[in-house]
Amino acid sequence: MRSQPLRGEASRRRAEERFKSTKKADSKTPTADETLRQAEAAKTARLRALRLAKEAADKDTANRDAAAARARRTEARRRVPGPQVSSPSEPK
């Protein structure tokens, strides 16, 4: 009678060891969910980098356009010569 519980304990111990070893093996290989999560994270990071690069390029273009507009406004403006009016002291 005493042999039954020992056999049960031994088989339970073996089952637990087998469970631990498969758990370790499973933890090393990524599951489908983890793979999908990693792919989603990589996609998000790539799109974020593209968005930030576009925003930086747009900001640079806007700054250049603003500087050009300021330069046009501050250029020395030439006066267009109007009609010459003869003064009375000048002989005709």
C-alpha atoms as a PDB file:
ATOM      1  CA  MET A   1       0.000   0.000   0.000  1.00  0.00           C
ATOM      2  CA  ARG A   2       2.870   2.278   0.698  1.00  0.00           C
ATOM      3  CA  SER A   3       4.141   1.852  -2.886  1.00  0.00           C
ATOM      4  CA  GLN A   4       1.099   3.498  -4.434  1.00  0.00           C
ATOM      5  CA  PRO A   5       1.651   6.999  -2.970  1.00  0.00           C
ATOM      6  CA  LEU A   6       5.342   6.874  -3.825  1.00  0.00           C
ATOM      7  CA  ARG A   7       4.596   5.959  -7.406  1.00  0.00           C
ATOM      8  CA  GLY A   8       2.052   8.766  -7.526  1.00  0.00           C
ATOM      9  CA  GLU A   9       4.540  11.212  -6.093  1.00  0.00           C
ATOM     10  CA  ALA A  10       7.215  10.143  -8.520  1.00  0.00           C
ATOM     11  CA  SER A  11       4.929  10.488 -11.493  1.00  0.00           C
ATOM     12  CA  ARG A  12       3.762  13.860 -10.212  1.00  0.00           C
ATOM     13  CA  ARG A  13       7.369  15.002  -9.795  1.00  0.00           C
ATOM     14  CA  ARG A  14       8.199  13.838 -13.329  1.00  0.00           C
ATOM     15  CA  ALA A  15       5.133  15.648 -14.680  1.00  0.00           C
ATOM     16  CA  GLU A  16       6.139  18.848 -12.892  1.00  0.00           C
ATOM     17  CA  GLU A  17       9.692  18.595 -14.253  1.00  0.00           C
ATOM     18  CA  ARG A  18       8.357  18.032 -17.740  1.00  0.00           C
ATOM     19  CA  PHE A  19       6.017  21.010 -17.333  1.00  0.00           C
ATOM     20  CA  LYS A  20       8.896  23.227 -16.160  1.00  0.00           C
ATOM     21  CA  SER A  21      11.096  22.175 -19.073  1.00  0.00           C
ATOM     22  CA  THR A  22       8.360  22.834 -21.640  1.00  0.00           C
ATOM     23  CA  LYS A  23       7.583  26.150 -19.955  1.00  0.00           C
ATOM     24  CA  LYS A  24      11.245  27.170 -20.304  1.00  0.00           C
ATOM     25  CA  ALA A  25      11.284  26.095 -23.956  1.00  0.00           C
ATOM     26  CA  ASP A  26       8.069  28.010 -24.633  1.00  0.00           C
ATOM     27  CA  SER A  27       9.400  31.146 -23.005  1.00  0.00           C
ATOM     28  CA  LYS A  28      12.403  31.128 -25.358  1.00  0.00           C
ATOM     29  CA  THR A  29      10.357  30.872 -28.556  1.00  0.00           C
ATOM     30  CA  PRO A  30       8.092  33.842 -29.264  1.00  0.00           C
ATOM     31  CA  THR A  31       4.403  33.154 -29.532  1.00  0.00           C
ATOM     32  CA  ALA A  32       2.244  34.376 -32.388  1.00  0.00           C
ATOM     33  CA  ASP A  33       0.920  37.218 -30.233  1.00  0.00           C
ATOM     34  CA  GLU A  34       4.422  38.372 -29.360  1.00  0.00           C
ATOM     35  CA  THR A  35       5.459  38.236 -33.002  1.00  0.00           C
ATOM     36  CA  LEU A  36       2.443  40.313 -34.027  1.00  0.00           C
ATOM     37  CA  ARG A  37       3.092  42.763 -31.216  1.00  0.00           C
ATOM     38  CA  GLN A  38       6.718  43.178 -32.294  1.00  0.00           C
ATOM     39  CA  ALA A  39       5.696  43.699 -35.925  1.00  0.00           C
ATOM     40  CA  GLU A  40       3.142  46.308 -34.862  1.00  0.00           C
ATOM     41  CA  ALA A  41       5.741  48.095 -32.711  1.00  0.00           C
ATOM     42  CA  ALA A  42       8.245  48.123 -35.589  1.00  0.00           C
ATOM     43  CA  LYS A  43       5.604  49.500 -37.963  1.00  0.00           C
ATOM     44  CA  THR A  44       4.627  52.195 -35.473  1.00  0.00           C
ATOM     45  CA  ALA A  45       8.261  53.198 -34.946  1.00  0.00           C
ATOM     46  CA  ARG A  46       8.849  53.408 -38.706  1.00  0.00           C
ATOM     47  CA  LEU A  47       5.732  55.524 -39.280  1.00  0.00           C
ATOM     48  CA  ARG A  48       6.631  57.802 -36.366  1.00  0.00           C
ATOM     49  CA  ALA A  49      10.114  58.358 -37.794  1.00  0.00           C
ATOM     50  CA  LEU A  50       8.622  59.201 -41.197  1.00  0.00           C
ATOM     51  CA  ARG A  51       6.129  61.621 -39.630  1.00  0.00           C
ATOM     52  CA  LEU A  52       8.828  63.390 -37.624  1.00  0.00           C
ATOM     53  CA  ALA A  53      11.049  63.695 -40.705  1.00  0.00           C
ATOM     54  CA  LYS A  54       8.158  65.159 -42.706  1.00  0.00           C
ATOM     55  CA  GLU A  55       7.323  67.640 -39.939  1.00  0.00           C
ATOM     56  CA  ALA A  56      10.967  68.737 -39.783  1.00  0.00           C
ATOM     57  CA  ALA A  57      11.092  69.201 -43.565  1.00  0.00           C
ATOM     58  CA  ASP A  58       7.827  71.173 -43.534  1.00  0.00           C
ATOM     59  CA  LYS A  59       9.126  73.381 -40.718  1.00  0.00           C
ATOM     60  CA  ASP A  60      12.363  74.014 -42.615  1.00  0.00           C
ATOM     61  CA  THR A  61      10.449  74.941 -45.781  1.00  0.00           C
ATOM     62  CA  ALA A  62       8.167  77.284 -43.824  1.00  0.00           C
ATOM     63  CA  ASN A  63      11.166  78.983 -42.196  1.00  0.00           C
ATOM     64  CA  ARG A  64      12.864  79.473 -45.577  1.00  0.00           C
ATOM     65  CA  ASP A  65       9.662  80.900 -47.080  1.00  0.00           C
ATOM     66  CA  ALA A  66       9.218  83.270 -44.138  1.00  0.00           C
ATOM     67  CA  ALA A  67      12.828  84.454 -44.404  1.00  0.00           C
ATOM     68  CA  ALA A  68      12.406  85.071 -48.136  1.00  0.00           C
ATOM     69  CA  ALA A  69       9.218  87.063 -47.504  1.00  0.00           C
ATOM     70  CA  ARG A  70      10.984  89.163 -44.867  1.00  0.00           C
ATOM     71  CA  ALA A  71      13.867  89.782 -47.254  1.00  0.00           C
ATOM     72  CA  ARG A  72      11.458  90.933 -49.978  1.00  0.00           C
ATOM     73  CA  ARG A  73       9.740  93.331 -47.581  1.00  0.00           C
ATOM     74  CA  THR A  74      12.987  94.874 -46.352  1.00  0.00           C
ATOM     75  CA  GLU A  75      14.595  95.300 -49.786  1.00  0.00           C
ATOM     76  CA  ALA A  76      15.404  98.885 -50.682  1.00  0.00           C
ATOM     77  CA  ARG A  77      12.462 100.057 -52.665  1.00  0.00           C
ATOM     78  CA  ARG A  78      13.292 102.053 -55.711  1.00  0.00           C
ATOM     79  CA  ARG A  79      11.307 105.094 -56.495  1.00  0.00           C
ATOM     80  CA  VAL A  80       9.945 105.241 -59.949  1.00  0.00           C
ATOM     81  CA  PRO A  81      10.847 108.591 -61.422  1.00  0.00           C
ATOM     82  CA  GLY A  82       7.741 110.607 -62.048  1.00  0.00           C
ATOM     83  CA  PRO A  83       7.210 113.206 -64.782  1.00  0.00           C
ATOM     84  CA  GLN A  84       9.774 115.950 -64.689  1.00  0.00           C
ATOM     85  CA  VAL A  85       8.259 119.268 -63.790  1.00  0.00           C
ATOM     86  CA  SER A  86      10.092 122.228 -65.198  1.00  0.00           C
ATOM     87  CA  SER A  87      10.827 124.905 -62.719  1.00  0.00           C
ATOM     88  CA  PRO A  88      10.166 128.572 -63.671  1.00  0.00           C
ATOM     89  CA  SER A  89      13.807 129.496 -63.249  1.00  0.00           C
ATOM     90  CA  GLU A  90      14.878 127.202 -66.050  1.00  0.00           C
ATOM     91  CA  PRO A  91      14.885 128.615 -69.523  1.00  0.00           C
ATOM     92  CA  LYS A  92      12.884 126.827 -72.110  1.00  0.00           C
END
